C-alpha atoms as a PDB file:
ATOM      1  CA  MET A   1      97.270 143.666 105.309  1.00  0.00           C
ATOM      2  CA  ALA A   2      98.382 140.043 105.433  1.00  0.00           C
ATOM      3  CA  GLU A   3      96.876 137.645 102.927  1.00  0.00           C
ATOM      4  CA  GLN A   4      94.439 135.155 104.464  1.00  0.00           C
ATOM      5  CA  LYS A   5      94.861 131.535 103.528  1.00  0.00           C
ATOM      6  CA  THR A   6      92.013 129.095 103.396  1.00  0.00           C
ATOM      7  CA  LEU A   7      92.664 125.650 104.790  1.00  0.00           C
ATOM      8  CA  VAL A   8      90.920 122.677 103.260  1.00  0.00           C
ATOM      9  CA  THR A   9      89.826 120.013 105.683  1.00  0.00           C
ATOM     10  CA  VAL A  10      89.814 116.502 104.266  1.00  0.00           C
ATOM     11  CA  LYS A  11      88.180 113.745 106.249  1.00  0.00           C
ATOM     12  CA  PRO A  12      90.285 110.633 106.807  1.00  0.00           C
ATOM     13  CA  VAL A  13      89.595 107.813 104.359  1.00  0.00           C
ATOM     14  CA  LYS A  14      90.384 104.138 104.377  1.00  0.00           C
ATOM     15  CA  VAL A  15      92.053 103.006 101.184  1.00  0.00           C
ATOM     16  CA  SER A  16      90.357  99.612 101.445  1.00  0.00           C
ATOM     17  CA  GLU A  17      86.951 101.325 101.488  1.00  0.00           C
ATOM     18  CA  ILE A  18      87.795 103.445  98.432  1.00  0.00           C
ATOM     19  CA  VAL A  19      88.915 100.316  96.556  1.00  0.00           C
ATOM     20  CA  ARG A  20      85.851  98.303  97.617  1.00  0.00           C
ATOM     21  CA  LYS A  21      83.402 101.016  96.546  1.00  0.00           C
ATOM     22  CA  GLY A  22      85.328 101.828  93.362  1.00  0.00           C
ATOM     23  CA  MET A  23      85.481  98.186  92.263  1.00  0.00           C
ATOM     24  CA  ALA A  24      81.759  97.740  92.968  1.00  0.00           C
ATOM     25  CA  ILE A  25      80.974 100.686  90.679  1.00  0.00           C
ATOM     26  CA  TYR A  26      83.434  99.417  88.048  1.00  0.00           C
ATOM     27  CA  GLU A  27      81.721  96.021  88.069  1.00  0.00           C
ATOM     28  CA  GLN A  28      78.371  97.720  87.360  1.00  0.00           C
ATOM     29  CA  LEU A  29      79.883  99.624  84.415  1.00  0.00           C
ATOM     30  CA  LYS A  30      82.280  96.889  83.301  1.00  0.00           C
ATOM     31  CA  SER A  31      80.579  95.561  80.171  1.00  0.00           C
ATOM     32  CA  GLN A  32      80.010  99.035  78.724  1.00  0.00           C
ATOM     33  CA  LEU A  33      83.467 100.341  79.677  1.00  0.00           C
ATOM     34  CA  GLU A  34      85.315  97.302  78.320  1.00  0.00           C
ATOM     35  CA  ARG A  35      83.307  97.275  75.096  1.00  0.00           C
ATOM     36  CA  GLU A  36      83.765 100.996  74.386  1.00  0.00           C
ATOM     37  CA  HIS A  37      87.009 101.990  76.163  1.00  0.00           C
ATOM     38  CA  TRP A  38      89.312  98.930  76.414  1.00  0.00           C
ATOM     39  CA  GLY A  39      92.813  99.978  77.480  1.00  0.00           C
ATOM     40  CA  LYS A  40      91.868 103.511  78.558  1.00  0.00           C
ATOM     41  CA  TYR A  41      91.689 104.656  82.186  1.00  0.00           C
ATOM     42  CA  VAL A  42      88.653 105.216  84.363  1.00  0.00           C
ATOM     43  CA  VAL A  43      88.670 107.399  87.477  1.00  0.00           C
ATOM     44  CA  ILE A  44      85.662 106.907  89.766  1.00  0.00           C
ATOM     45  CA  ASP A  45      84.302 108.954  92.649  1.00  0.00           C
ATOM     46  CA  PRO A  46      83.363 106.098  95.000  1.00  0.00           C
ATOM     47  CA  ASP A  47      80.808 108.197  96.890  1.00  0.00           C
ATOM     48  CA  SER A  48      78.741 109.556  93.992  1.00  0.00           C
ATOM     49  CA  GLY A  49      79.488 106.974  91.291  1.00  0.00           C
ATOM     50  CA  ASP A  50      80.526 109.753  88.920  1.00  0.00           C
ATOM     51  CA  TYR A  51      83.375 108.723  86.633  1.00  0.00           C
ATOM     52  CA  GLU A  52      85.571 109.910  83.809  1.00  0.00           C
ATOM     53  CA  VAL A  53      87.318 107.929  81.039  1.00  0.00           C
ATOM     54  CA  ALA A  54      90.411 109.125  79.153  1.00  0.00           C
ATOM     55  CA  PRO A  55      93.455 107.735  77.334  1.00  0.00           C
ATOM     56  CA  THR A  56      95.633 108.477  80.384  1.00  0.00           C
ATOM     57  CA  ARG A  57      94.981 108.349  84.106  1.00  0.00           C
ATOM     58  CA  THR A  58      96.139 111.951  84.460  1.00  0.00           C
ATOM     59  CA  GLU A  59      93.644 113.224  81.869  1.00  0.00           C
ATOM     60  CA  ALA A  60      90.759 111.362  83.524  1.00  0.00           C
ATOM     61  CA  LEU A  61      91.784 112.618  86.971  1.00  0.00           C
ATOM     62  CA  LEU A  62      92.031 116.239  85.838  1.00  0.00           C
ATOM     63  CA  LYS A  63      88.567 116.068  84.248  1.00  0.00           C
ATOM     64  CA  ILE A  64      86.826 114.553  87.280  1.00  0.00           C
ATOM     65  CA  ARG A  65      88.736 116.765  89.727  1.00  0.00           C
ATOM     66  CA  ARG A  66      87.065 119.819  88.114  1.00  0.00           C
ATOM     67  CA  ARG A  67      83.689 118.466  89.277  1.00  0.00           C
ATOM     68  CA  HIS A  68      84.866 117.058  92.625  1.00  0.00           C
ATOM     69  CA  PRO A  69      87.911 119.094  93.705  1.00  0.00           C
ATOM     70  CA  GLU A  70      88.251 117.732  97.239  1.00  0.00           C
ATOM     71  CA  LYS A  71      87.489 114.042  96.716  1.00  0.00           C
ATOM     72  CA  VAL A  72      89.594 110.883  96.822  1.00  0.00           C
ATOM     73  CA  PHE A  73      89.217 108.691  93.743  1.00  0.00           C
ATOM     74  CA  PHE A  74      89.556 105.095  92.609  1.00  0.00           C
ATOM     75  CA  SER A  75      91.244 104.516  89.257  1.00  0.00           C
ATOM     76  CA  ARG A  76      92.228 101.619  87.059  1.00  0.00           C
ATOM     77  CA  ARG A  77      93.002 100.691  83.496  1.00  0.00           C
ATOM     78  CA  ILE A  78      89.911  99.352  81.785  1.00  0.00           C
ATOM     79  CA  GLY A  79      90.012  95.625  81.138  1.00  0.00           C
ATOM     80  CA  PHE A  80      93.608  94.924  82.105  1.00  0.00           C
ATOM     81  CA  LEU A  81      93.291  93.282  85.528  1.00  0.00           C
ATOM     82  CA  GLU A  82      91.277  90.348  84.228  1.00  0.00           C
ATOM     83  CA  LYS A  83      92.260  87.515  81.921  1.00  0.00           C
ATOM     84  CA  LYS A  84      94.093  88.267  78.709  1.00  0.00           C
ATOM     85  CA  ARG A  85      91.926  89.316  75.814  1.00  0.00           C
ATOM     86  CA  TRP A  86      93.334  87.115  73.044  1.00  0.00           C
END
């Protein structure tokens, strides 16, 4: 008997909407994230607000993907898009 394959349907997303929602959540978490995790990476699920922090973007993505396997995420390095810190 032939093996059945399951197709995953992913709804279309607008990158601008992912960025807008992700940045809004980052701004809410900003003071805590920058105080405790400066220089690490945060990956955010823009729909639920769930997020993961890790030393690398890949580590954070793998952790959050376990909880949300079919989602599209927003990510950034914590603290590095703003003014210099010295």
